[in-house]
């Protein structure tokens, strides 16, 4: 067995028992913002891992809406209309100049 010590990194718990994952650990696990981590307890030790994706998790509201669209396309194809013209121009006008960060966390409200 080798006498070489494995790298050790420490982090401080906040009053809410939260901490920041050290940069070297984030790099080693290829963690990005909003990734999930898993704690595995083995024989008195805790191992931190990048959580494996739980498959394709779909919002139930989105799933219901997509089902509605599918039924409409099958049962009422005459209702389908192309998106363009005035609707497209108005949508572009409404968002003109807006800077949207799709990765930004949502407000609590």
Protein backbone atom coordinates (compact mmCIF):
# COMPACT_ATOMS: atom_id res chain seq x y z
CA UNK A 1 0.00 0.00 0.00
CA UNK A 2 1.24 3.48 -0.85
CA UNK A 3 2.00 6.14 1.77
CA UNK A 4 0.85 8.88 -0.66
CA UNK A 5 -2.06 10.83 0.79
CA UNK A 6 -5.11 11.45 -1.38
CA UNK A 7 -5.89 15.14 -1.90
CA UNK A 8 -8.07 16.52 0.88
CA UNK A 9 -10.37 19.51 0.61
CA UNK A 10 -12.39 21.15 3.35
CA UNK A 11 -15.48 23.33 3.31
CA UNK A 12 -17.33 25.14 6.10
CA UNK A 13 -20.99 24.53 6.89
CA UNK A 14 -23.25 27.56 7.07
CA UNK A 15 -25.91 28.05 9.74
CA UNK A 16 -28.29 26.19 7.41
CA UNK A 17 -25.83 23.25 7.07
CA UNK A 18 -24.96 24.25 3.49
CA UNK A 19 -21.50 24.49 1.99
CA UNK A 20 -19.74 25.29 -1.26
CA UNK A 21 -18.19 22.38 -3.13
CA UNK A 22 -14.50 23.26 -3.57
CA UNK A 23 -13.45 24.08 -7.14
CA UNK A 24 -11.05 21.13 -7.33
CA UNK A 25 -13.87 18.74 -6.41
CA UNK A 26 -16.23 20.36 -8.93
CA UNK A 27 -13.60 19.91 -11.63
CA UNK A 28 -12.87 16.31 -10.64
CA UNK A 29 -16.58 15.39 -10.78
CA UNK A 30 -17.30 17.59 -13.83
CA UNK A 31 -20.00 19.44 -11.92
CA UNK A 32 -21.80 22.42 -13.35
CA UNK A 33 -24.40 24.79 -12.00
CA UNK A 34 -27.68 23.06 -11.08
CA UNK A 35 -26.08 19.58 -11.29
CA UNK A 36 -27.09 17.22 -8.52
CA UNK A 37 -24.71 15.46 -6.18
CA UNK A 38 -25.22 12.24 -4.22
CA UNK A 39 -23.85 11.29 -0.80
CA UNK A 40 -23.06 7.58 -0.45
CA UNK A 41 -22.41 6.24 3.05
CA UNK A 42 -20.03 3.24 3.14
CA UNK A 43 -18.55 1.82 6.30
CA UNK A 44 -18.33 5.05 8.26
CA UNK A 45 -17.21 7.13 5.26
CA UNK A 46 -19.24 9.43 3.08
CA UNK A 47 -18.47 9.54 -0.63
CA UNK A 48 -19.57 12.47 -2.76
CA UNK A 49 -20.58 11.60 -6.33
CA UNK A 50 -22.19 13.36 -9.24
CA UNK A 51 -25.80 12.12 -9.22
CA UNK A 52 -26.86 10.04 -12.17
CA UNK A 53 -29.74 11.48 -14.19
CA UNK A 54 -33.10 9.97 -13.30
CA UNK A 55 -34.09 9.47 -16.92
CA UNK A 56 -36.21 11.92 -18.83
CA UNK A 57 -38.15 13.73 -16.13
CA UNK A 58 -40.99 15.66 -17.72
CA UNK A 59 -43.12 18.22 -15.95
CA UNK A 60 -46.67 16.78 -15.66
CA UNK A 61 -48.17 20.08 -16.89
CA UNK A 62 -45.93 20.01 -19.97
CA UNK A 63 -46.81 16.35 -20.54
CA UNK A 64 -50.54 17.15 -20.36
CA UNK A 65 -50.15 20.08 -22.76
CA UNK A 66 -48.18 17.99 -25.26
CA UNK A 67 -50.89 15.31 -25.07
CA UNK A 68 -53.54 17.96 -25.78
CA UNK A 69 -51.57 19.20 -28.81
CA UNK A 70 -51.17 15.68 -30.13
CA UNK A 71 -54.92 15.00 -29.83
CA UNK A 72 -55.75 18.29 -31.55
CA UNK A 73 -53.40 17.52 -34.46
CA UNK A 74 -55.04 14.14 -34.96
CA UNK A 75 -58.67 15.10 -34.34
CA UNK A 76 -58.76 18.67 -35.69
CA UNK A 77 -55.98 19.19 -38.25
CA UNK A 78 -57.99 21.99 -39.87
CA UNK A 79 -57.29 24.12 -36.78
CA UNK A 80 -53.53 24.07 -37.39
CA UNK A 81 -52.22 27.39 -38.65
CA UNK A 82 -48.64 28.42 -39.42
CA UNK A 83 -46.92 30.68 -36.93
CA UNK A 84 -45.67 33.74 -38.75
CA UNK A 85 -46.74 37.05 -40.20
CA UNK A 86 -48.29 39.44 -37.68
CA UNK A 87 -48.03 36.96 -34.77
CA UNK A 88 -44.32 36.50 -35.35
CA UNK A 89 -43.75 40.25 -35.72
CA UNK A 90 -45.68 40.98 -32.50
CA UNK A 91 -43.76 38.31 -30.54
CA UNK A 92 -40.44 39.77 -31.71
CA UNK A 93 -41.64 43.25 -30.72
CA UNK A 94 -42.59 42.09 -27.21
CA UNK A 95 -39.14 40.67 -26.47
CA UNK A 96 -37.05 43.26 -28.31
CA UNK A 97 -34.17 44.42 -26.13
CA UNK A 98 -34.75 41.81 -23.42
CA UNK A 99 -31.73 39.95 -22.08
CA UNK A 100 -32.80 36.51 -20.89
CA UNK A 101 -30.44 34.16 -19.04
CA UNK A 102 -32.03 30.72 -19.35
CA UNK A 103 -29.60 29.36 -16.74
CA UNK A 104 -30.45 31.97 -14.09
CA UNK A 105 -32.28 30.64 -11.02
CA UNK A 106 -35.93 31.62 -10.70
CA UNK A 107 -37.09 34.02 -8.02
CA UNK A 108 -39.00 32.52 -5.09
CA UNK A 109 -42.09 34.52 -6.08
